[in-house]
N, C-alpha and C. Protein backbone atom coordinates (compact mmCIF):
# COMPACT_ATOMS: atom_id res chain seq x y z
N MET A 1 -0.35 -9.43 8.95
CA MET A 1 -1.25 -9.27 10.07
C MET A 1 -2.03 -7.97 9.86
N THR A 2 -3.31 -8.00 10.14
CA THR A 2 -4.13 -6.81 9.95
C THR A 2 -3.91 -5.81 11.09
N LEU A 3 -4.31 -4.58 10.83
CA LEU A 3 -4.20 -3.55 11.86
C LEU A 3 -5.05 -3.93 13.08
N LYS A 4 -6.21 -4.45 12.82
CA LYS A 4 -7.10 -4.87 13.92
C LYS A 4 -6.43 -5.94 14.77
N GLN A 5 -5.78 -6.91 14.13
CA GLN A 5 -5.10 -7.97 14.86
C GLN A 5 -3.93 -7.41 15.69
N LYS A 6 -3.19 -6.48 15.10
CA LYS A 6 -2.08 -5.87 15.83
C LYS A 6 -2.58 -5.16 17.09
N LEU A 7 -3.68 -4.44 16.95
CA LEU A 7 -4.23 -3.74 18.10
C LEU A 7 -4.79 -4.70 19.15
N GLN A 8 -5.41 -5.79 18.69
CA GLN A 8 -5.98 -6.76 19.62
C GLN A 8 -4.91 -7.52 20.37
N GLU A 9 -3.76 -7.74 19.73
CA GLU A 9 -2.67 -8.46 20.39
C GLU A 9 -1.93 -7.61 21.41
N GLU A 10 -2.06 -6.31 21.27
CA GLU A 10 -1.34 -5.39 22.15
C GLU A 10 -1.87 -5.51 23.58
N LYS A 11 -0.96 -5.48 24.51
CA LYS A 11 -1.38 -5.49 25.91
C LYS A 11 -2.10 -4.19 26.22
N LEU A 12 -3.21 -4.30 26.87
CA LEU A 12 -3.96 -3.11 27.23
C LEU A 12 -3.38 -2.49 28.50
N TYR A 13 -3.07 -1.26 28.41
CA TYR A 13 -2.56 -0.54 29.57
C TYR A 13 -3.65 0.43 30.01
N ILE A 14 -4.55 -0.07 30.82
CA ILE A 14 -5.67 0.74 31.27
C ILE A 14 -5.58 0.90 32.78
N ASN A 15 -5.74 2.11 33.21
CA ASN A 15 -5.73 2.39 34.64
C ASN A 15 -6.98 1.75 35.25
N PRO A 16 -6.82 0.85 36.22
CA PRO A 16 -7.99 0.15 36.79
C PRO A 16 -8.92 1.07 37.58
N HIS A 17 -8.46 2.23 37.96
CA HIS A 17 -9.29 3.14 38.74
C HIS A 17 -10.09 4.10 37.86
N SER A 18 -9.46 4.59 36.80
CA SER A 18 -10.14 5.55 35.93
C SER A 18 -10.64 4.92 34.64
N PHE A 19 -10.19 3.71 34.34
CA PHE A 19 -10.54 3.01 33.10
C PHE A 19 -10.09 3.79 31.87
N LYS A 20 -9.04 4.57 32.02
CA LYS A 20 -8.47 5.32 30.90
C LYS A 20 -7.17 4.67 30.47
N LEU A 21 -6.85 4.85 29.20
CA LEU A 21 -5.61 4.33 28.65
C LEU A 21 -4.43 5.03 29.32
N THR A 22 -3.45 4.25 29.72
CA THR A 22 -2.27 4.83 30.34
C THR A 22 -1.34 5.41 29.29
N LYS A 23 -0.33 6.12 29.74
CA LYS A 23 0.65 6.71 28.83
C LYS A 23 1.33 5.61 28.01
N GLU A 24 1.68 4.50 28.66
CA GLU A 24 2.34 3.40 27.96
C GLU A 24 1.44 2.80 26.89
N GLY A 25 0.16 2.65 27.21
CA GLY A 25 -0.79 2.11 26.25
C GLY A 25 -0.97 3.03 25.06
N ALA A 26 -1.10 4.31 25.33
CA ALA A 26 -1.26 5.29 24.25
C ALA A 26 -0.03 5.31 23.35
N GLU A 27 1.16 5.24 23.95
CA GLU A 27 2.39 5.24 23.17
C GLU A 27 2.49 3.99 22.30
N SER A 28 2.06 2.86 22.83
CA SER A 28 2.09 1.62 22.08
C SER A 28 1.14 1.68 20.88
N PHE A 29 -0.07 2.15 21.10
CA PHE A 29 -1.03 2.28 20.01
C PHE A 29 -0.56 3.30 18.97
N GLU A 30 0.07 4.37 19.43
CA GLU A 30 0.58 5.38 18.51
C GLU A 30 1.66 4.77 17.62
N LYS A 31 2.52 3.93 18.17
CA LYS A 31 3.58 3.27 17.39
C LYS A 31 2.97 2.38 16.32
N ILE A 32 1.94 1.63 16.67
CA ILE A 32 1.26 0.76 15.69
C ILE A 32 0.67 1.61 14.57
N ALA A 33 0.01 2.71 14.93
CA ALA A 33 -0.60 3.59 13.92
C ALA A 33 0.47 4.23 13.04
N ASP A 34 1.58 4.65 13.63
CA ASP A 34 2.67 5.25 12.85
C ASP A 34 3.25 4.24 11.87
N ASP A 35 3.48 3.02 12.33
CA ASP A 35 4.01 1.97 11.44
C ASP A 35 3.07 1.72 10.27
N TYR A 36 1.77 1.70 10.56
CA TYR A 36 0.77 1.49 9.52
C TYR A 36 0.79 2.63 8.50
N ALA A 37 0.88 3.86 9.00
CA ALA A 37 0.91 5.02 8.11
C ALA A 37 2.17 5.03 7.25
N ILE A 38 3.30 4.66 7.82
CA ILE A 38 4.55 4.62 7.07
C ILE A 38 4.49 3.54 6.00
N GLU A 39 3.95 2.39 6.35
CA GLU A 39 3.82 1.31 5.36
C GLU A 39 2.91 1.74 4.21
N PHE A 40 1.82 2.43 4.54
CA PHE A 40 0.92 2.92 3.50
C PHE A 40 1.62 3.95 2.62
N ALA A 41 2.36 4.87 3.21
CA ALA A 41 3.06 5.90 2.44
C ALA A 41 4.09 5.28 1.51
N ASN A 42 4.82 4.29 1.99
CA ASN A 42 5.81 3.61 1.15
C ASN A 42 5.14 2.89 -0.01
N TRP A 43 4.02 2.25 0.28
CA TRP A 43 3.27 1.56 -0.77
C TRP A 43 2.78 2.56 -1.81
N PHE A 44 2.23 3.67 -1.34
CA PHE A 44 1.70 4.69 -2.23
C PHE A 44 2.78 5.30 -3.10
N ALA A 45 3.93 5.62 -2.50
CA ALA A 45 5.02 6.29 -3.23
C ALA A 45 5.52 5.44 -4.38
N GLY A 46 5.48 4.14 -4.22
CA GLY A 46 5.96 3.27 -5.27
C GLY A 46 4.92 2.88 -6.29
N ARG A 47 3.75 3.43 -6.16
CA ARG A 47 2.65 2.93 -6.99
C ARG A 47 1.94 3.98 -7.86
N TYR A 48 1.74 5.17 -7.35
CA TYR A 48 0.89 6.13 -8.04
C TYR A 48 1.61 7.43 -8.38
N THR A 49 1.12 8.08 -9.42
CA THR A 49 1.70 9.34 -9.88
C THR A 49 0.83 10.51 -9.45
N GLU A 50 1.32 11.70 -9.73
CA GLU A 50 0.58 12.92 -9.38
C GLU A 50 -0.79 12.99 -10.03
N GLU A 51 -0.95 12.44 -11.19
CA GLU A 51 -2.23 12.49 -11.90
C GLU A 51 -3.37 11.92 -11.07
N PHE A 52 -3.06 10.96 -10.24
CA PHE A 52 -4.10 10.31 -9.45
C PHE A 52 -4.70 11.23 -8.40
N PHE A 53 -3.96 12.24 -7.98
CA PHE A 53 -4.43 13.15 -6.95
C PHE A 53 -5.66 13.96 -7.37
N TYR A 54 -5.90 14.07 -8.64
CA TYR A 54 -7.00 14.90 -9.12
C TYR A 54 -8.33 14.15 -9.10
N GLU A 55 -8.33 12.88 -8.84
CA GLU A 55 -9.57 12.12 -8.79
C GLU A 55 -10.26 12.34 -7.45
N GLU A 56 -11.58 12.36 -7.51
CA GLU A 56 -12.37 12.59 -6.30
C GLU A 56 -12.28 11.39 -5.35
N ASN A 57 -12.18 11.65 -4.06
CA ASN A 57 -12.11 10.62 -3.01
C ASN A 57 -10.95 9.65 -3.19
N TYR A 58 -9.83 10.14 -3.72
CA TYR A 58 -8.72 9.24 -3.99
C TYR A 58 -8.13 8.64 -2.72
N THR A 59 -8.16 9.35 -1.60
CA THR A 59 -7.53 8.81 -0.39
C THR A 59 -8.28 7.59 0.13
N ASN A 60 -9.59 7.65 0.17
CA ASN A 60 -10.37 6.49 0.62
C ASN A 60 -10.19 5.32 -0.32
N TYR A 61 -10.19 5.61 -1.59
CA TYR A 61 -10.01 4.59 -2.62
C TYR A 61 -8.65 3.92 -2.47
N LEU A 62 -7.60 4.71 -2.30
CA LEU A 62 -6.26 4.16 -2.15
C LEU A 62 -6.13 3.32 -0.89
N LEU A 63 -6.71 3.78 0.19
CA LEU A 63 -6.63 3.02 1.43
C LEU A 63 -7.29 1.66 1.28
N GLU A 64 -8.42 1.61 0.61
CA GLU A 64 -9.09 0.32 0.39
C GLU A 64 -8.25 -0.60 -0.48
N ILE A 65 -7.62 -0.08 -1.52
CA ILE A 65 -6.74 -0.89 -2.38
C ILE A 65 -5.58 -1.43 -1.55
N PHE A 66 -4.97 -0.54 -0.76
CA PHE A 66 -3.84 -0.92 0.09
C PHE A 66 -4.23 -2.05 1.03
N LYS A 67 -5.36 -1.92 1.69
CA LYS A 67 -5.80 -2.93 2.65
C LYS A 67 -6.02 -4.28 1.96
N LYS A 68 -6.62 -4.26 0.78
CA LYS A 68 -6.87 -5.50 0.06
C LYS A 68 -5.57 -6.17 -0.36
N GLU A 69 -4.64 -5.37 -0.92
CA GLU A 69 -3.37 -5.93 -1.39
C GLU A 69 -2.52 -6.47 -0.25
N LYS A 70 -2.56 -5.81 0.89
CA LYS A 70 -1.74 -6.22 2.03
C LYS A 70 -2.45 -7.21 2.94
N GLY A 71 -3.71 -7.49 2.66
CA GLY A 71 -4.47 -8.42 3.50
C GLY A 71 -4.78 -7.83 4.87
N LEU A 72 -4.98 -6.53 4.91
CA LEU A 72 -5.26 -5.84 6.16
C LEU A 72 -6.75 -5.64 6.28
């Protein structure tokens, strides 16, 4: 499931008076983002060596590879 799909499936916790995200909603979205970051870190740790860090824009490049491989 893609990150976008995970976020879209999440129940929105928005205060009907202020139209702001509630504490519960923010915590839920934070959990999704944390899980995504952990999955990316685990994928990265098993895949690349220190030599790759010296390439320009490596983080954006790696994120795009990760998304393609995971179908995100």
